Protein backbone atom coordinates (compact mmCIF):
# COMPACT_ATOMS: atom_id res chain seq x y z
CA UNK A 1 -19.63 -0.30 -6.86
CA UNK A 2 -15.80 0.06 -6.25
CA UNK A 3 -13.87 -2.10 -8.52
CA UNK A 4 -10.55 -0.37 -8.94
CA UNK A 5 -7.82 -1.32 -6.57
CA UNK A 6 -3.95 -2.35 -5.93
CA UNK A 7 -2.35 -4.95 -3.95
CA UNK A 8 1.35 -4.67 -2.88
CA UNK A 9 3.62 -7.18 -1.20
CA UNK A 10 6.60 -5.83 0.63
CA UNK A 11 9.34 -7.92 1.71
CA UNK A 12 11.69 -6.02 4.51
CA UNK A 13 15.05 -7.03 5.21
CA UNK A 14 14.92 -8.86 8.54
CA UNK A 15 16.77 -6.28 10.42
CA UNK A 16 14.47 -3.61 9.24
CA UNK A 17 11.17 -5.14 9.83
CA UNK A 18 10.32 -3.08 12.81
CA UNK A 19 10.77 0.18 10.71
CA UNK A 20 8.79 -0.86 7.55
CA UNK A 21 5.80 -1.88 10.16
CA UNK A 22 6.16 1.67 11.44
CA UNK A 23 6.24 3.21 8.26
CA UNK A 24 3.01 1.20 7.18
CA UNK A 25 1.29 2.23 10.34
CA UNK A 26 2.27 5.65 10.04
CA UNK A 27 1.14 6.02 6.14
CA UNK A 28 -2.61 5.69 7.59
CA UNK A 29 -2.58 9.64 8.26
CA UNK A 30 -1.63 10.25 4.35
CA UNK A 31 -4.20 7.29 3.13
CA UNK A 32 -6.91 9.52 4.93
CA UNK A 33 -5.74 12.78 3.22
CA UNK A 34 -6.17 11.08 -0.26
CA UNK A 35 -9.93 12.03 -1.45
CA UNK A 36 -10.00 9.37 -3.93
CA UNK A 37 -8.69 6.56 -1.88
CA UNK A 38 -11.86 4.63 -0.58
CA UNK A 39 -10.24 1.88 1.63
CA UNK A 40 -6.57 1.57 2.36
CA UNK A 41 -5.16 -1.50 4.64
CA UNK A 42 -1.51 -2.44 5.54
CA UNK A 43 -0.92 -5.52 7.00
CA UNK A 44 1.59 -8.10 7.99
CA UNK A 45 1.98 -11.46 6.30
CA UNK A 46 5.08 -12.92 8.28
CA UNK A 47 7.91 -11.83 10.34
CA UNK A 48 9.60 -10.03 7.31
CA UNK A 49 6.33 -9.91 4.87
CA UNK A 50 3.98 -7.07 4.51
CA UNK A 51 1.42 -5.87 2.24
CA UNK A 52 -1.13 -2.97 1.28
CA UNK A 53 -4.36 -3.45 -0.32
CA UNK A 54 -6.50 -0.15 -1.27
CA UNK A 55 -9.47 0.73 -3.24
CA UNK A 56 -10.44 3.74 -5.45
CA UNK A 57 -13.31 5.39 -7.08
CA UNK A 58 -11.79 4.89 -10.64
CA UNK A 59 -8.44 4.70 -12.44
CA UNK A 60 -7.36 8.38 -11.96
CA UNK A 61 -7.60 8.08 -8.23
CA UNK A 62 -5.57 4.95 -8.57
CA UNK A 63 -3.05 6.49 -10.43
CA UNK A 64 -3.30 9.77 -8.10
CA UNK A 65 -2.52 7.27 -5.35
CA UNK A 66 0.48 5.59 -7.32
CA UNK A 67 2.03 9.06 -7.64
CA UNK A 68 1.59 10.00 -4.28
CA UNK A 69 3.03 10.52 -0.84
CA UNK A 70 2.66 6.74 0.11
CA UNK A 71 4.29 5.44 -2.96
CA UNK A 72 7.18 7.91 -2.77
CA UNK A 73 8.00 6.95 0.79
CA UNK A 74 8.06 3.42 -0.13
CA UNK A 75 10.20 3.69 -3.08
CA UNK A 76 12.54 6.13 -0.81
CA UNK A 77 12.94 3.36 1.85
CA UNK A 78 13.29 0.33 -0.67
CA UNK A 79 17.14 0.35 -1.27
CA UNK A 80 17.74 0.45 2.54
CA UNK A 81 15.32 -1.25 4.07
CA UNK A 82 13.45 -3.76 1.66
CA UNK A 83 14.81 -6.86 0.36
CA UNK A 84 13.74 -6.10 -3.32
CA UNK A 85 11.28 -3.85 -4.80
CA UNK A 86 7.55 -3.74 -3.55
CA UNK A 87 5.48 -5.91 -6.04
CA UNK A 88 2.56 -3.58 -6.76
CA UNK A 89 -0.29 -4.71 -8.90
CA UNK A 90 -3.14 -3.20 -10.36
CA UNK A 91 -6.30 -5.20 -9.58
CA UNK A 92 -9.97 -5.45 -10.40
CA UNK A 93 -12.36 -6.00 -7.33
CA UNK A 94 -14.80 -8.48 -8.41
CA UNK A 95 -17.34 -8.33 -5.31
CA UNK A 96 -17.29 -6.59 -2.09
CA UNK A 97 -19.12 -6.61 1.39
CA UNK A 98 -19.18 -3.10 2.24
CA UNK A 99 -20.70 -1.17 5.42
C-alpha cells in the first residue's frame, strides 16, 4: 500500500487566483514526469483557496518531490501571487481505495 503523502494548502491573493489556478493545472505535466509520484491532485477549495494532495512510493519519493520542479515553481510565485507561504504537510495515508 502507498502510505506516504503530502497535503498542501495554498491561499492566493484575490487578484491572482486565476494565475494560481493556471499554475496548478499546468503542474500536472510535471507531476507525470516524476517516476516516484504515484498520485497527484490539485484542487480548489474556494475563490482564493487551493490545495495539492499527492502520494509517493516511499520517503525518498516524497523528498524528491519536495525538491522538484513543482515545489520550486510554487516557492517562486509565493511572494507575488500568494497571500502567505504554502502550508505543506507530510502525511501518512491510513487507507485508500485504488483502481
